[in-house]
Amino acid sequence: MELYDGPVEMDDLVAEIVNLYPETIEYLQSIGMHCLSCASAQTETLWEACQVHGLRAAKVVDELNRIINE
């Protein structure tokens, strides 16, 4: 798997990611993160959201950075 460097890190808030990089919304919704504007997204880190949804945070970070770097 190729690793993509980029601005998104595991400790970033989900709401900040989608506000700064709206191109990531489709991917996040496709992996089950449908409530991107709910109260949890405002205070939840990407790592925490991945734990709740049973996802590997490193893989999600990598894909988000790939999308942003396109």
C-alpha atoms as a PDB file:
ATOM      1  CA  MET A   1       0.000   0.000   0.000  1.00  0.00           C
ATOM      2  CA  GLU A   2       1.346   3.391  -0.939  1.00  0.00           C
ATOM      3  CA  LEU A   3       1.358   5.917   1.875  1.00  0.00           C
ATOM      4  CA  TYR A   4       0.234   9.439   1.095  1.00  0.00           C
ATOM      5  CA  ASP A   5       1.600  12.361   3.044  1.00  0.00           C
ATOM      6  CA  GLY A   6      -0.838  15.140   3.550  1.00  0.00           C
ATOM      7  CA  PRO A   7      -2.517  17.527   5.891  1.00  0.00           C
ATOM      8  CA  VAL A   8      -4.924  15.091   7.567  1.00  0.00           C
ATOM      9  CA  GLU A   9      -3.841  13.373  10.770  1.00  0.00           C
ATOM     10  CA  MET A  10      -5.615  11.023  13.171  1.00  0.00           C
ATOM     11  CA  ASP A  11      -6.048  13.703  15.820  1.00  0.00           C
ATOM     12  CA  ASP A  12      -7.837  16.162  13.492  1.00  0.00           C
ATOM     13  CA  LEU A  13     -11.499  16.833  14.202  1.00  0.00           C
ATOM     14  CA  VAL A  14     -13.872  15.289  11.671  1.00  0.00           C
ATOM     15  CA  ALA A  15     -15.732  18.604  11.280  1.00  0.00           C
ATOM     16  CA  GLU A  16     -12.502  20.454  10.513  1.00  0.00           C
ATOM     17  CA  ILE A  17     -11.533  17.907   7.873  1.00  0.00           C
ATOM     18  CA  VAL A  18     -14.823  18.173   5.992  1.00  0.00           C
ATOM     19  CA  ASN A  19     -14.888  21.968   6.289  1.00  0.00           C
ATOM     20  CA  LEU A  20     -11.354  22.380   4.954  1.00  0.00           C
ATOM     21  CA  TYR A  21     -11.522  19.539   2.429  1.00  0.00           C
ATOM     22  CA  PRO A  22     -15.110  19.041   1.200  1.00  0.00           C
ATOM     23  CA  GLU A  23     -13.797  16.636  -1.440  1.00  0.00           C
ATOM     24  CA  THR A  24     -13.405  14.087   1.398  1.00  0.00           C
ATOM     25  CA  ILE A  25     -17.123  13.997   2.253  1.00  0.00           C
ATOM     26  CA  GLU A  26     -18.078  11.383  -0.343  1.00  0.00           C
ATOM     27  CA  TYR A  27     -15.377   8.990   0.854  1.00  0.00           C
ATOM     28  CA  LEU A  28     -16.227   9.435   4.535  1.00  0.00           C
ATOM     29  CA  GLN A  29     -19.897   8.775   3.849  1.00  0.00           C
ATOM     30  CA  SER A  30     -19.019   5.713   1.766  1.00  0.00           C
ATOM     31  CA  ILE A  31     -17.269   4.133   4.768  1.00  0.00           C
ATOM     32  CA  GLY A  32     -20.201   4.727   7.091  1.00  0.00           C
ATOM     33  CA  MET A  33     -19.535   8.188   8.504  1.00  0.00           C
ATOM     34  CA  HIS A  34     -22.881   9.650   7.512  1.00  0.00           C
ATOM     35  CA  CYS A  35     -23.333  12.199  10.278  1.00  0.00           C
ATOM     36  CA  LEU A  36     -20.562  14.602   9.331  1.00  0.00           C
ATOM     37  CA  SER A  37     -22.345  17.673  10.664  1.00  0.00           C
ATOM     38  CA  CYS A  38     -23.790  16.195  13.854  1.00  0.00           C
ATOM     39  CA  ALA A  39     -22.638  17.213  17.325  1.00  0.00           C
ATOM     40  CA  SER A  40     -20.223  14.291  17.557  1.00  0.00           C
ATOM     41  CA  ALA A  41     -18.373  15.344  14.414  1.00  0.00           C
ATOM     42  CA  GLN A  42     -17.727  18.753  15.950  1.00  0.00           C
ATOM     43  CA  THR A  43     -15.717  17.340  18.856  1.00  0.00           C
ATOM     44  CA  GLU A  44     -14.663  13.878  17.653  1.00  0.00           C
ATOM     45  CA  THR A  45     -11.226  13.224  16.226  1.00  0.00           C
ATOM     46  CA  LEU A  46     -10.824  11.118  13.133  1.00  0.00           C
ATOM     47  CA  TRP A  47      -9.222   8.415  15.271  1.00  0.00           C
ATOM     48  CA  GLU A  48     -12.222   8.373  17.620  1.00  0.00           C
ATOM     49  CA  ALA A  49     -14.674   8.255  14.709  1.00  0.00           C
ATOM     50  CA  CYS A  50     -12.775   5.342  13.192  1.00  0.00           C
ATOM     51  CA  GLN A  51     -12.931   3.461  16.504  1.00  0.00           C
ATOM     52  CA  VAL A  52     -16.703   3.992  16.717  1.00  0.00           C
ATOM     53  CA  HIS A  53     -17.167   2.755  13.141  1.00  0.00           C
ATOM     54  CA  GLY A  54     -14.720  -0.159  13.399  1.00  0.00           C
ATOM     55  CA  LEU A  55     -12.304   1.275  10.846  1.00  0.00           C
ATOM     56  CA  ARG A  56      -8.508   1.307  10.691  1.00  0.00           C
ATOM     57  CA  ALA A  57      -7.609   4.961  11.258  1.00  0.00           C
ATOM     58  CA  ALA A  58      -4.273   4.744   9.424  1.00  0.00           C
ATOM     59  CA  LYS A  59      -5.993   3.459   6.282  1.00  0.00           C
ATOM     60  CA  VAL A  60      -8.635   6.215   6.454  1.00  0.00           C
ATOM     61  CA  VAL A  61      -5.993   8.924   6.945  1.00  0.00           C
ATOM     62  CA  ASP A  62      -4.043   7.578   3.999  1.00  0.00           C
ATOM     63  CA  GLU A  63      -7.090   7.584   1.726  1.00  0.00           C
ATOM     64  CA  LEU A  64      -8.133  11.088   2.794  1.00  0.00           C
ATOM     65  CA  ASN A  65      -4.671  12.422   2.043  1.00  0.00           C
ATOM     66  CA  ARG A  66      -4.699  10.658  -1.334  1.00  0.00           C
ATOM     67  CA  ILE A  67      -8.004  12.329  -2.189  1.00  0.00           C
ATOM     68  CA  ILE A  68      -6.747  15.745  -1.090  1.00  0.00           C
ATOM     69  CA  ASN A  69      -3.485  15.356  -3.025  1.00  0.00           C
ATOM     70  CA  GLU A  70      -5.215  14.437  -6.301  1.00  0.00           C
END
